[in-house]
Amino acid sequence: MMGNQEVKLLNFLLSPVGRRVEWALKLKGVDYEYIEEDIFNKSNLLLELNPVHKKVPVLIHGKKSIAESLIILEYIDETWKQYPLMPLHPYERSRARFWAKLSDEKLALGSWRAMVRNGEEGEKLLLEAKEVMEKLEEELNGKKFFGGNNIGYLDLALGWITCWLPVWEEIGSMQVLDPLKCPSMSSWKINFLNHPTIKDNLPPKDKMIAYCHRRIDEFSSTHHG
């Protein structure tokens, strides 16, 4: 059976997008071998498995390799049927995909860039990120999770908000998730972090902070040196 083949995950401890794949595998109860990748000195294995983007995460299932975290989430959900992640209805699935993609492109990237950029450009990026957060507030509509009573695909896609975003907000002296404007998202964040599978598999905060500072230093030297 396809689901019984050996599973490996090539990932980086501090990858916000890689973490969502780990969470999915653990929620599904899938046994896998974890391979830590040095993203500052990429291995031949990574370059061989993901020659196009050369990025983690990469899921290895038997002799097949699957790249891009959101695609991997769908692959996991279709391969291992226990604990369904995607909504049953095609329309709801399309909405989940839409919000996951938009959040990666506008909210995650926008928040990160707002942290490293100053002045008018930083303010513009921050405003755009806040707008997406407020749209997610409407989409969540007071539910416990985007997946209803259980963590689903979109919850995993947005999981970085619960652990990475607070670090970015702290370093960038900014606020993307305003609890007054987004009370449902604030409650969702607590519900997500309190889930046993998530709680036991969070990236270490001290390493996240150090990694962010390293990336900011790289950005500064590239743009000013």
N, C-alpha and C. Protein backbone atom coordinates (compact mmCIF):
# COMPACT_ATOMS: atom_id res chain seq x y z
N MET A 1 0.83 -1.20 0.00
CA MET A 1 0.00 0.00 0.00
C MET A 1 0.86 1.25 0.00
N MET A 2 0.38 2.26 -0.71
CA MET A 2 1.12 3.50 -0.87
C MET A 2 1.47 4.15 0.46
N GLY A 3 0.52 4.14 1.40
CA GLY A 3 0.73 4.80 2.68
C GLY A 3 1.72 4.08 3.58
N ASN A 4 2.13 2.84 3.20
CA ASN A 4 3.04 2.07 4.05
C ASN A 4 4.50 2.22 3.66
N GLN A 5 4.79 2.98 2.61
CA GLN A 5 6.18 3.17 2.20
C GLN A 5 6.91 4.07 3.19
N GLU A 6 8.23 3.95 3.18
CA GLU A 6 9.06 4.73 4.11
C GLU A 6 8.88 6.23 3.89
N VAL A 7 8.79 6.96 4.99
CA VAL A 7 8.59 8.41 4.92
C VAL A 7 9.76 9.13 5.58
N LYS A 8 10.29 10.13 4.88
CA LYS A 8 11.35 10.97 5.43
C LYS A 8 10.99 12.43 5.19
N LEU A 9 11.42 13.28 6.10
CA LEU A 9 11.19 14.72 5.94
C LEU A 9 12.51 15.45 6.03
N LEU A 10 12.87 16.11 4.94
CA LEU A 10 14.06 16.96 4.91
C LEU A 10 13.60 18.37 5.26
N ASN A 11 14.12 18.89 6.37
CA ASN A 11 13.56 20.14 6.89
C ASN A 11 14.63 20.93 7.64
N PHE A 12 14.25 22.12 8.07
CA PHE A 12 15.12 22.99 8.87
C PHE A 12 14.34 23.34 10.13
N LEU A 13 14.96 23.18 11.28
CA LEU A 13 14.30 23.37 12.58
C LEU A 13 13.47 24.66 12.65
N LEU A 14 13.98 25.73 12.04
CA LEU A 14 13.35 27.04 12.20
C LEU A 14 12.55 27.48 10.97
N SER A 15 12.20 26.53 10.12
CA SER A 15 11.41 26.87 8.94
C SER A 15 9.93 26.97 9.30
N PRO A 16 9.33 28.16 9.15
CA PRO A 16 7.89 28.30 9.45
C PRO A 16 7.03 27.41 8.55
N VAL A 17 7.44 27.25 7.29
CA VAL A 17 6.64 26.44 6.36
C VAL A 17 6.91 24.95 6.54
N GLY A 18 8.11 24.62 7.00
CA GLY A 18 8.43 23.21 7.25
C GLY A 18 7.71 22.68 8.47
N ARG A 19 7.51 23.55 9.44
CA ARG A 19 6.86 23.14 10.69
C ARG A 19 5.44 22.65 10.43
N ARG A 20 4.75 23.27 9.48
CA ARG A 20 3.35 22.87 9.18
C ARG A 20 3.30 21.41 8.68
N VAL A 21 4.34 21.00 7.97
CA VAL A 21 4.39 19.61 7.48
C VAL A 21 4.61 18.65 8.64
N GLU A 22 5.50 19.01 9.55
CA GLU A 22 5.72 18.19 10.75
C GLU A 22 4.42 18.02 11.53
N TRP A 23 3.72 19.12 11.73
CA TRP A 23 2.45 19.07 12.47
C TRP A 23 1.46 18.13 11.78
N ALA A 24 1.38 18.22 10.46
CA ALA A 24 0.43 17.38 9.70
C ALA A 24 0.76 15.90 9.87
N LEU A 25 2.03 15.55 9.76
CA LEU A 25 2.44 14.14 9.91
C LEU A 25 2.13 13.63 11.31
N LYS A 26 2.34 14.48 12.30
CA LYS A 26 2.09 14.07 13.69
C LYS A 26 0.58 13.95 13.97
N LEU A 27 -0.21 14.88 13.43
CA LEU A 27 -1.67 14.78 13.60
C LEU A 27 -2.21 13.51 12.97
N LYS A 28 -1.60 13.10 11.86
CA LYS A 28 -2.03 11.89 11.14
C LYS A 28 -1.46 10.62 11.77
N GLY A 29 -0.50 10.78 12.67
CA GLY A 29 0.13 9.61 13.28
C GLY A 29 1.04 8.86 12.33
N VAL A 30 1.67 9.58 11.40
CA VAL A 30 2.56 8.96 10.41
C VAL A 30 3.99 8.91 10.97
N ASP A 31 4.57 7.72 10.97
CA ASP A 31 5.98 7.59 11.39
C ASP A 31 6.88 8.09 10.27
N TYR A 32 7.86 8.88 10.63
CA TYR A 32 8.77 9.40 9.60
C TYR A 32 10.15 9.64 10.18
N GLU A 33 11.13 9.65 9.30
CA GLU A 33 12.50 9.97 9.70
C GLU A 33 12.73 11.45 9.42
N TYR A 34 13.23 12.16 10.41
CA TYR A 34 13.50 13.59 10.25
C TYR A 34 14.97 13.79 9.87
N ILE A 35 15.20 14.55 8.80
CA ILE A 35 16.57 14.88 8.38
C ILE A 35 16.73 16.39 8.43
N GLU A 36 17.60 16.87 9.31
CA GLU A 36 17.83 18.31 9.45
C GLU A 36 18.74 18.82 8.34
N GLU A 37 18.31 19.89 7.69
CA GLU A 37 19.06 20.49 6.58
C GLU A 37 19.73 21.77 7.06
N ASP A 38 20.98 21.97 6.64
CA ASP A 38 21.68 23.23 6.91
C ASP A 38 21.38 24.16 5.74
N ILE A 39 20.45 25.09 5.94
CA ILE A 39 20.03 25.94 4.82
C ILE A 39 21.09 26.96 4.42
N PHE A 40 22.11 27.12 5.27
CA PHE A 40 23.19 28.05 4.93
C PHE A 40 24.30 27.35 4.14
N ASN A 41 24.22 26.02 4.12
CA ASN A 41 25.20 25.22 3.37
C ASN A 41 24.45 24.00 2.83
N LYS A 42 23.68 24.22 1.78
CA LYS A 42 22.71 23.22 1.32
C LYS A 42 23.37 21.92 0.88
N SER A 43 22.74 20.82 1.30
CA SER A 43 23.29 19.49 1.02
C SER A 43 23.01 19.07 -0.42
N ASN A 44 23.80 18.10 -0.87
CA ASN A 44 23.57 17.53 -2.20
C ASN A 44 22.20 16.86 -2.26
N LEU A 45 21.79 16.28 -1.11
CA LEU A 45 20.48 15.62 -1.06
C LEU A 45 19.36 16.60 -1.36
N LEU A 46 19.40 17.78 -0.75
CA LEU A 46 18.37 18.80 -1.00
C LEU A 46 18.39 19.24 -2.46
N LEU A 47 19.56 19.49 -3.00
CA LEU A 47 19.68 19.97 -4.39
C LEU A 47 19.20 18.90 -5.37
N GLU A 48 19.39 17.65 -4.99
CA GLU A 48 18.95 16.53 -5.83
C GLU A 48 17.42 16.36 -5.76
N LEU A 49 16.87 16.50 -4.55
CA LEU A 49 15.43 16.27 -4.35
C LEU A 49 14.57 17.45 -4.77
N ASN A 50 15.09 18.67 -4.62
CA ASN A 50 14.33 19.86 -5.00
C ASN A 50 15.22 20.78 -5.84
N PRO A 51 15.53 20.33 -7.07
CA PRO A 51 16.47 21.10 -7.91
C PRO A 51 15.92 22.43 -8.40
N VAL A 52 14.59 22.59 -8.40
CA VAL A 52 13.99 23.83 -8.92
C VAL A 52 14.10 24.95 -7.89
N HIS A 53 13.53 24.74 -6.69
CA HIS A 53 13.51 25.80 -5.67
C HIS A 53 14.67 25.71 -4.68
N LYS A 54 15.23 24.49 -4.56
CA LYS A 54 16.37 24.27 -3.63
C LYS A 54 16.02 24.70 -2.20
N LYS A 55 14.79 24.41 -1.78
CA LYS A 55 14.32 24.83 -0.46
C LYS A 55 13.71 23.66 0.30
N VAL A 56 13.73 23.79 1.64
CA VAL A 56 12.97 22.86 2.48
C VAL A 56 11.57 23.44 2.66
N PRO A 57 10.60 22.61 3.02
CA PRO A 57 10.70 21.18 3.29
C PRO A 57 10.58 20.34 2.01
N VAL A 58 11.10 19.11 2.10
CA VAL A 58 10.88 18.11 1.06
C VAL A 58 10.43 16.83 1.75
N LEU A 59 9.31 16.30 1.31
CA LEU A 59 8.81 15.02 1.84
C LEU A 59 9.27 13.92 0.90
N ILE A 60 9.86 12.88 1.47
CA ILE A 60 10.29 11.72 0.68
C ILE A 60 9.38 10.56 1.07
N HIS A 61 8.66 10.04 0.10
CA HIS A 61 7.72 8.94 0.35
C HIS A 61 8.08 7.81 -0.60
N GLY A 62 8.70 6.76 -0.05
CA GLY A 62 9.22 5.70 -0.92
C GLY A 62 10.34 6.27 -1.78
N LYS A 63 10.14 6.24 -3.08
CA LYS A 63 11.16 6.78 -4.00
C LYS A 63 10.74 8.13 -4.59
N LYS A 64 9.64 8.67 -4.09
CA LYS A 64 9.14 9.95 -4.62
C LYS A 64 9.50 11.08 -3.67
N SER A 65 9.76 12.26 -4.24
CA SER A 65 9.99 13.44 -3.40
C SER A 65 8.96 14.50 -3.77
N ILE A 66 8.42 15.16 -2.75
CA ILE A 66 7.39 16.19 -2.94
C ILE A 66 7.89 17.47 -2.27
N ALA A 67 7.86 18.58 -3.03
CA ALA A 67 8.33 19.87 -2.51
C ALA A 67 7.16 20.83 -2.36
N GLU A 68 7.42 21.97 -1.73
CA GLU A 68 6.45 23.05 -1.49
C GLU A 68 5.46 22.63 -0.39
N SER A 69 5.52 23.32 0.74
CA SER A 69 4.80 22.87 1.94
C SER A 69 3.29 22.73 1.77
N LEU A 70 2.65 23.66 1.06
CA LEU A 70 1.19 23.57 0.90
C LEU A 70 0.81 22.37 0.03
N ILE A 71 1.64 22.09 -0.97
CA ILE A 71 1.41 20.91 -1.82
C ILE A 71 1.64 19.64 -1.00
N ILE A 72 2.67 19.66 -0.15
CA ILE A 72 2.95 18.51 0.70
C ILE A 72 1.77 18.23 1.64
N LEU A 73 1.17 19.29 2.20
CA LEU A 73 0.01 19.10 3.08
C LEU A 73 -1.11 18.35 2.37
N GLU A 74 -1.38 18.74 1.12
CA GLU A 74 -2.45 18.06 0.37
C GLU A 74 -2.06 16.62 0.06
N TYR A 75 -0.79 16.41 -0.26
CA TYR A 75 -0.31 15.05 -0.54
C TYR A 75 -0.49 14.17 0.69
N ILE A 76 -0.10 14.69 1.84
CA ILE A 76 -0.24 13.94 3.10
C ILE A 76 -1.71 13.60 3.35
N ASP A 77 -2.59 14.57 3.12
CA ASP A 77 -4.01 14.37 3.39
C ASP A 77 -4.63 13.33 2.46
N GLU A 78 -4.16 13.30 1.22
CA GLU A 78 -4.70 12.34 0.24
C GLU A 78 -4.11 10.95 0.41
N THR A 79 -2.92 10.87 0.99
CA THR A 79 -2.23 9.58 1.14
C THR A 79 -2.64 8.86 2.42
N TRP A 80 -2.76 9.62 3.51
CA TRP A 80 -3.15 9.05 4.81
C TRP A 80 -4.51 9.63 5.19
N LYS A 81 -5.51 8.79 5.16
CA LYS A 81 -6.90 9.27 5.28
C LYS A 81 -7.31 9.60 6.72
N GLN A 82 -6.62 9.04 7.71
CA GLN A 82 -6.99 9.32 9.10
C GLN A 82 -6.78 10.80 9.41
N TYR A 83 -7.63 11.34 10.23
CA TYR A 83 -7.60 12.77 10.61
C TYR A 83 -7.58 13.67 9.36
N PRO A 84 -8.72 13.77 8.66
CA PRO A 84 -8.77 14.59 7.43
C PRO A 84 -8.43 16.05 7.72
N LEU A 85 -7.63 16.64 6.83
CA LEU A 85 -7.21 18.04 6.97
C LEU A 85 -8.02 18.98 6.09
N MET A 86 -8.30 18.55 4.86
CA MET A 86 -9.02 19.41 3.92
C MET A 86 -10.53 19.30 4.15
N PRO A 87 -11.27 20.41 3.94
CA PRO A 87 -12.73 20.34 4.03
C PRO A 87 -13.28 19.35 3.00
N LEU A 88 -14.45 18.80 3.27
CA LEU A 88 -15.06 17.82 2.36
C LEU A 88 -15.60 18.47 1.10
N HIS A 89 -16.19 19.65 1.24
CA HIS A 89 -16.85 20.30 0.10
C HIS A 89 -15.83 21.00 -0.80
N PRO A 90 -15.94 20.79 -2.13
CA PRO A 90 -14.98 21.41 -3.07
C PRO A 90 -14.87 22.92 -2.93
N TYR A 91 -16.00 23.60 -2.66
CA TYR A 91 -15.96 25.06 -2.52
C TYR A 91 -15.15 25.46 -1.29
N GLU A 92 -15.38 24.74 -0.18
CA GLU A 92 -14.64 25.03 1.06
C GLU A 92 -13.15 24.74 0.87
N ARG A 93 -12.85 23.69 0.12
CA ARG A 93 -11.44 23.37 -0.16
C ARG A 93 -10.79 24.49 -0.96
N SER A 94 -11.53 25.02 -1.93
CA SER A 94 -10.97 26.11 -2.76
C SER A 94 -10.72 27.35 -1.91
N ARG A 95 -11.61 27.62 -0.97
CA ARG A 95 -11.43 28.79 -0.09
C ARG A 95 -10.20 28.59 0.81
N ALA A 96 -10.05 27.40 1.34
CA ALA A 96 -8.89 27.11 2.20
C ALA A 96 -7.59 27.31 1.44
N ARG A 97 -7.56 26.83 0.19
CA ARG A 97 -6.35 27.00 -0.65
C ARG A 97 -6.10 28.48 -0.92
N PHE A 98 -7.17 29.22 -1.20
CA PHE A 98 -7.05 30.66 -1.50
C PHE A 98 -6.42 31.40 -0.32
N TRP A 99 -6.96 31.17 0.88
CA TRP A 99 -6.47 31.89 2.06
C TRP A 99 -5.07 31.46 2.44
N ALA A 100 -4.75 30.20 2.25
CA ALA A 100 -3.40 29.72 2.56
C ALA A 100 -2.37 30.40 1.65
N LYS A 101 -2.68 30.47 0.37
CA LYS A 101 -1.76 31.08 -0.60
C LYS A 101 -1.64 32.58 -0.36
N LEU A 102 -2.78 33.25 -0.16
CA LEU A 102 -2.76 34.70 0.07
C LEU A 102 -1.99 35.03 1.36
N SER A 103 -2.19 34.22 2.38
CA SER A 103 -1.53 34.49 3.66
C SER A 103 -0.02 34.31 3.55
N ASP A 104 0.42 33.32 2.78
CA ASP A 104 1.86 33.15 2.57
C ASP A 104 2.43 34.34 1.80
N GLU A 105 1.71 34.78 0.77
CA GLU A 105 2.23 35.83 -0.11
C GLU A 105 2.14 37.22 0.52
N LYS A 106 1.06 37.51 1.21
CA LYS A 106 0.82 38.87 1.71
C LYS A 106 1.07 39.03 3.21
N LEU A 107 0.61 38.05 3.98
CA LEU A 107 0.69 38.19 5.44
C LEU A 107 2.07 37.77 5.95
N ALA A 108 2.51 36.58 5.59
CA ALA A 108 3.82 36.10 6.08
C ALA A 108 4.96 36.93 5.51
N LEU A 109 4.99 37.04 4.19
CA LEU A 109 6.07 37.79 3.53
C LEU A 109 6.00 39.26 3.91
N GLY A 110 4.78 39.81 3.96
CA GLY A 110 4.59 41.21 4.31
C GLY A 110 5.04 41.52 5.73
N SER A 111 4.70 40.63 6.68
CA SER A 111 5.09 40.83 8.08
C SER A 111 6.61 40.75 8.23
N TRP A 112 7.20 39.77 7.55
CA TRP A 112 8.66 39.61 7.61
C TRP A 112 9.36 40.85 7.05
N ARG A 113 8.89 41.30 5.90
CA ARG A 113 9.51 42.48 5.28
C ARG A 113 9.28 43.75 6.08
N ALA A 114 8.10 43.85 6.71
CA ALA A 114 7.82 45.02 7.56
C ALA A 114 8.78 45.05 8.75
N MET A 115 9.18 43.87 9.22
CA MET A 115 10.11 43.79 10.34
C MET A 115 11.51 44.31 9.95
N VAL A 116 11.95 43.97 8.73
CA VAL A 116 13.32 44.32 8.35
C VAL A 116 13.44 45.69 7.66
N ARG A 117 12.31 46.23 7.20
CA ARG A 117 12.37 47.51 6.50
C ARG A 117 11.83 48.64 7.38
N ASN A 118 12.44 49.80 7.26
CA ASN A 118 12.02 50.95 8.06
C ASN A 118 11.25 51.95 7.20
N GLY A 119 10.70 52.96 7.87
CA GLY A 119 10.10 54.10 7.17
C GLY A 119 8.82 53.76 6.44
N GLU A 120 8.59 54.50 5.37
CA GLU A 120 7.33 54.44 4.63
C GLU A 120 7.06 53.05 4.05
N GLU A 121 8.09 52.43 3.52
CA GLU A 121 7.92 51.11 2.91
C GLU A 121 7.48 50.08 3.96
N GLY A 122 8.13 50.13 5.13
CA GLY A 122 7.77 49.23 6.22
C GLY A 122 6.34 49.43 6.68
N GLU A 123 5.93 50.68 6.78
CA GLU A 123 4.56 51.01 7.21
C GLU A 123 3.52 50.49 6.21
N LYS A 124 3.84 50.62 4.93
CA LYS A 124 2.92 50.16 3.86
C LYS A 124 2.76 48.63 3.93
N LEU A 125 3.87 47.93 4.10
CA LEU A 125 3.84 46.47 4.20
C LEU A 125 3.07 46.02 5.44
N LEU A 126 3.27 46.74 6.53
CA LEU A 126 2.57 46.42 7.78
C LEU A 126 1.06 46.60 7.63
N LEU A 127 0.67 47.66 6.97
CA LEU A 127 -0.75 47.94 6.74
C LEU A 127 -1.39 46.83 5.89
N GLU A 128 -0.69 46.40 4.84
CA GLU A 128 -1.19 45.33 3.97
C GLU A 128 -1.34 44.02 4.75
N ALA A 129 -0.36 43.74 5.61
CA ALA A 129 -0.41 42.52 6.42
C ALA A 129 -1.59 42.55 7.38
N LYS A 130 -1.82 43.71 8.00
CA LYS A 130 -2.95 43.86 8.93
C LYS A 130 -4.28 43.66 8.21
N GLU A 131 -4.37 44.14 6.98
CA GLU A 131 -5.61 43.99 6.20
C GLU A 131 -5.92 42.51 5.96
N VAL A 132 -4.89 41.72 5.65
CA VAL A 132 -5.09 40.28 5.44
C VAL A 132 -5.52 39.62 6.76
N MET A 133 -4.91 40.04 7.85
CA MET A 133 -5.26 39.48 9.16
C MET A 133 -6.74 39.76 9.47
N GLU A 134 -7.20 40.95 9.15
CA GLU A 134 -8.60 41.30 9.40
C GLU A 134 -9.56 40.51 8.50
N LYS A 135 -9.09 40.18 7.30
CA LYS A 135 -9.90 39.32 6.40
C LYS A 135 -9.98 37.90 6.97
N LEU A 136 -8.87 37.43 7.54
CA LEU A 136 -8.88 36.10 8.17
C LEU A 136 -9.81 36.07 9.37
N GLU A 137 -9.88 37.19 10.09
CA GLU A 137 -10.80 37.32 11.22
C GLU A 137 -12.24 37.08 10.75
N GLU A 138 -12.58 37.67 9.60
CA GLU A 138 -13.93 37.48 9.03
C GLU A 138 -14.14 36.04 8.59
N GLU A 139 -13.12 35.45 7.98
CA GLU A 139 -13.21 34.08 7.48
C GLU A 139 -13.37 33.09 8.64
N LEU A 140 -12.65 33.32 9.73
CA LEU A 140 -12.74 32.43 10.90
C LEU A 140 -14.13 32.50 11.53
N ASN A 141 -14.67 33.70 11.60
CA ASN A 141 -16.07 33.91 12.00
C ASN A 141 -16.42 33.27 13.35
N GLY A 142 -15.51 33.41 14.33
CA GLY A 142 -15.81 32.93 15.68
C GLY A 142 -15.64 31.45 15.92
N LYS A 143 -15.22 30.68 14.89
CA LYS A 143 -15.03 29.23 15.07
C LYS A 143 -13.78 28.97 15.92
N LYS A 144 -13.71 27.77 16.49
CA LYS A 144 -12.53 27.40 17.27
C LYS A 144 -11.31 27.31 16.37
N PHE A 145 -11.49 26.60 15.24
CA PHE A 145 -10.43 26.47 14.23
C PHE A 145 -11.04 26.74 12.86
N PHE A 146 -10.21 27.02 11.89
CA PHE A 146 -10.71 27.17 10.52
C PHE A 146 -11.30 25.84 10.05
N GLY A 147 -10.77 24.74 10.60
CA GLY A 147 -11.29 23.42 10.28
C GLY A 147 -12.50 23.02 11.12
N GLY A 148 -13.07 23.96 11.87
CA GLY A 148 -14.23 23.65 12.72
C GLY A 148 -13.78 23.37 14.14
N ASN A 149 -14.07 22.15 14.62
CA ASN A 149 -13.64 21.77 15.98
C ASN A 149 -12.25 21.16 16.00
N ASN A 150 -11.74 20.83 14.82
CA ASN A 150 -10.41 20.22 14.72
C ASN A 150 -9.48 21.07 13.87
N ILE A 151 -8.20 20.95 14.13
CA ILE A 151 -7.19 21.63 13.30
C ILE A 151 -7.23 21.05 11.89
N GLY A 152 -7.30 21.92 10.90
CA GLY A 152 -7.34 21.48 9.50
C GLY A 152 -6.21 22.09 8.68
N TYR A 153 -6.34 21.94 7.38
CA TYR A 153 -5.32 22.41 6.42
C TYR A 153 -4.99 23.88 6.61
N LEU A 154 -6.02 24.74 6.66
CA LEU A 154 -5.76 26.18 6.76
C LEU A 154 -5.16 26.55 8.12
N ASP A 155 -5.57 25.86 9.17
CA ASP A 155 -4.97 26.10 10.49
C ASP A 155 -3.47 25.81 10.45
N LEU A 156 -3.10 24.70 9.81
CA LEU A 156 -1.68 24.35 9.71
C LEU A 156 -0.93 25.37 8.85
N ALA A 157 -1.58 25.79 7.77
CA ALA A 157 -0.95 26.77 6.88
C ALA A 157 -0.69 28.09 7.61
N LEU A 158 -1.56 28.43 8.55
CA LEU A 158 -1.45 29.69 9.29
C LEU A 158 -0.74 29.52 10.64
N GLY A 159 -0.30 28.32 10.92
CA GLY A 159 0.28 28.03 12.24
C GLY A 159 1.47 28.90 12.62
N TRP A 160 2.20 29.38 11.61
CA TRP A 160 3.36 30.25 11.87
C TRP A 160 2.95 31.52 12.64
N ILE A 161 1.67 31.93 12.48
CA ILE A 161 1.17 33.13 13.17
C ILE A 161 1.30 32.97 14.69
N THR A 162 1.15 31.74 15.17
CA THR A 162 1.13 31.51 16.62
C THR A 162 2.52 31.53 17.25
N CYS A 163 3.55 31.15 16.49
CA CYS A 163 4.89 31.09 17.10
C CYS A 163 5.89 32.06 16.47
N TRP A 164 5.83 32.21 15.15
CA TRP A 164 6.78 33.09 14.48
C TRP A 164 6.37 34.56 14.54
N LEU A 165 5.10 34.84 14.31
CA LEU A 165 4.67 36.24 14.25
C LEU A 165 4.99 37.02 15.53
N PRO A 166 4.75 36.45 16.73
CA PRO A 166 5.09 37.21 17.94
C PRO A 166 6.57 37.61 18.01
N VAL A 167 7.44 36.74 17.48
CA VAL A 167 8.88 37.05 17.46
C VAL A 167 9.14 38.22 16.50
N TRP A 168 8.53 38.16 15.32
CA TRP A 168 8.70 39.24 14.34
C TRP A 168 8.16 40.56 14.89
N GLU A 169 7.00 40.48 15.56
CA GLU A 169 6.40 41.70 16.14
C GLU A 169 7.32 42.30 17.20
N GLU A 170 7.90 41.43 18.01
CA GLU A 170 8.79 41.88 19.08
C GLU A 170 10.05 42.55 18.50
N ILE A 171 10.67 41.88 17.54
CA ILE A 171 11.91 42.41 16.95
C ILE A 171 11.63 43.69 16.15
N GLY A 172 10.52 43.71 15.44
CA GLY A 172 10.19 44.86 14.59
C GLY A 172 9.43 45.97 15.30
N SER A 173 9.19 45.80 16.61
CA SER A 173 8.40 46.77 17.40
C SER A 173 7.12 47.15 16.65
N MET A 174 6.34 46.14 16.28
CA MET A 174 5.13 46.36 15.49
C MET A 174 4.04 45.41 15.98
N GLN A 175 2.81 45.67 15.54
CA GLN A 175 1.69 44.79 15.88
C GLN A 175 0.91 44.46 14.61
N VAL A 176 0.93 43.18 14.25
CA VAL A 176 0.18 42.72 13.08
C VAL A 176 -1.16 42.15 13.52
N LEU A 177 -1.13 41.36 14.59
CA LEU A 177 -2.37 40.77 15.13
C LEU A 177 -2.85 41.61 16.30
N ASP A 178 -3.84 42.44 16.03
CA ASP A 178 -4.43 43.32 17.05
C ASP A 178 -5.59 42.58 17.71
N PRO A 179 -5.48 42.21 19.00
CA PRO A 179 -6.55 41.44 19.65
C PRO A 179 -7.88 42.18 19.71
N LEU A 180 -7.85 43.51 19.66
CA LEU A 180 -9.10 44.28 19.69
C LEU A 180 -9.82 44.21 18.35
N LYS A 181 -9.05 44.26 17.26
CA LYS A 181 -9.66 44.18 15.92
C LYS A 181 -9.88 42.74 15.48
N CYS A 182 -9.08 41.83 16.03
CA CYS A 182 -9.16 40.43 15.61
C CYS A 182 -9.29 39.50 16.83
N PRO A 183 -10.40 39.61 17.57
CA PRO A 183 -10.56 38.77 18.77
C PRO A 183 -10.64 37.28 18.46
N SER A 184 -11.28 36.93 17.33
CA SER A 184 -11.39 35.51 16.97
C SER A 184 -10.02 34.92 16.64
N MET A 185 -9.21 35.69 15.91
CA MET A 185 -7.86 35.22 15.57
C MET A 185 -7.00 35.10 16.83
N SER A 186 -7.20 35.99 17.78
CA SER A 186 -6.45 35.92 19.04
C SER A 186 -6.83 34.67 19.83
N SER A 187 -8.13 34.34 19.84
CA SER A 187 -8.59 33.11 20.51
C SER A 187 -8.10 31.88 19.76
N TRP A 188 -8.14 31.96 18.43
CA TRP A 188 -7.66 30.85 17.59
C TRP A 188 -6.19 30.54 17.90
N LYS A 189 -5.40 31.59 18.04
CA LYS A 189 -3.97 31.43 18.34
C LYS A 189 -3.78 30.64 19.63
N ILE A 190 -4.56 30.97 20.67
CA ILE A 190 -4.46 30.27 21.96
C ILE A 190 -4.92 28.81 21.80
N ASN A 191 -6.04 28.61 21.10
CA ASN A 191 -6.56 27.24 20.88
C ASN A 191 -5.53 26.39 20.14
N PHE A 192 -4.90 26.98 19.14
CA PHE A 192 -3.92 26.26 18.32
C PHE A 192 -2.71 25.86 19.19
N LEU A 193 -2.19 26.82 19.94
CA LEU A 193 -1.00 26.56 20.78
C LEU A 193 -1.29 25.57 21.90
N ASN A 194 -2.56 25.48 22.33
CA ASN A 194 -2.93 24.57 23.42
C ASN A 194 -3.19 23.15 22.95
N HIS A 195 -3.27 22.94 21.63
CA HIS A 195 -3.48 21.59 21.11
C HIS A 195 -2.25 20.74 21.45
N PRO A 196 -2.44 19.55 22.03
CA PRO A 196 -1.29 18.75 22.48
C PRO A 196 -0.22 18.51 21.40
N THR A 197 -0.65 18.20 20.18
CA THR A 197 0.31 17.94 19.10
C THR A 197 1.15 19.17 18.78
N ILE A 198 0.51 20.32 18.80
CA ILE A 198 1.22 21.58 18.49
C ILE A 198 2.13 21.96 19.66
N LYS A 199 1.57 21.90 20.86
CA LYS A 199 2.30 22.31 22.07
C LYS A 199 3.63 21.57 22.22
N ASP A 200 3.62 20.28 21.84
CA ASP A 200 4.82 19.45 21.98
C ASP A 200 5.79 19.60 20.81
N ASN A 201 5.42 20.38 19.82
CA ASN A 201 6.25 20.49 18.61
C ASN A 201 6.38 21.93 18.13
N LEU A 202 6.85 22.78 19.03
CA LEU A 202 7.05 24.19 18.69
C LEU A 202 8.54 24.49 18.55
N PRO A 203 8.90 25.41 17.65
CA PRO A 203 10.32 25.78 17.52
C PRO A 203 10.79 26.56 18.75
N PRO A 204 12.04 26.38 19.18
CA PRO A 204 12.54 27.09 20.36
C PRO A 204 12.66 28.60 20.11
N LYS A 205 12.08 29.38 21.02
CA LYS A 205 12.00 30.83 20.81
C LYS A 205 13.38 31.49 20.74
N ASP A 206 14.30 31.07 21.60
CA ASP A 206 15.63 31.70 21.59
C ASP A 206 16.32 31.52 20.25
N LYS A 207 16.14 30.35 19.64
CA LYS A 207 16.76 30.09 18.33
C LYS A 207 16.04 30.86 17.22
N MET A 208 14.73 31.04 17.37
CA MET A 208 13.99 31.84 16.39
C MET A 208 14.49 33.28 16.40
N ILE A 209 14.69 33.83 17.59
CA ILE A 209 15.15 35.22 17.72
C ILE A 209 16.55 35.37 17.11
N ALA A 210 17.44 34.42 17.44
CA ALA A 210 18.81 34.48 16.91
C ALA A 210 18.81 34.37 15.38
N TYR A 211 17.96 33.48 14.86
CA TYR A 211 17.86 33.29 13.40
C TYR A 211 17.36 34.57 12.73
N CYS A 212 16.35 35.20 13.31
CA CYS A 212 15.82 36.45 12.75
C CYS A 212 16.90 37.53 12.69
N HIS A 213 17.66 37.66 13.77
CA HIS A 213 18.72 38.67 13.80
C HIS A 213 19.79 38.37 12.74
N ARG A 214 20.08 37.09 12.55
CA ARG A 214 21.06 36.72 11.51
C ARG A 214 20.55 37.13 10.14
N ARG A 215 19.28 36.86 9.88
CA ARG A 215 18.67 37.21 8.59
C ARG A 215 18.62 38.73 8.40
N ILE A 216 18.32 39.46 9.45
CA ILE A 216 18.26 40.93 9.37
C ILE A 216 19.65 41.49 9.07
N ASP A 217 20.68 40.93 9.73
CA ASP A 217 22.05 41.37 9.48
C ASP A 217 22.45 41.12 8.03
N GLU A 218 22.05 39.95 7.50
CA GLU A 218 22.33 39.63 6.10
C GLU A 218 21.64 40.62 5.17
N PHE A 219 20.39 40.93 5.49
CA PHE A 219 19.61 41.87 4.68
C PHE A 219 20.27 43.25 4.69
N SER A 220 20.68 43.69 5.88
CA SER A 220 21.29 45.02 6.04
C SER A 220 22.59 45.12 5.27
N SER A 221 23.43 44.07 5.36
CA SER A 221 24.72 44.12 4.68
C SER A 221 24.54 44.06 3.16
N THR A 222 23.51 43.35 2.70
CA THR A 222 23.24 43.26 1.26
C THR A 222 22.75 44.60 0.71
N HIS A 223 21.92 45.29 1.50
CA HIS A 223 21.30 46.52 1.02
C HIS A 223 22.08 47.79 1.36
N HIS A 224 23.06 47.67 2.25
CA HIS A 224 23.80 48.89 2.63
C HIS A 224 25.31 48.75 2.45
N GLY A 225 25.72 47.55 2.04
CA GLY A 225 27.16 47.38 2.00
C GLY A 225 27.66 47.20 0.68
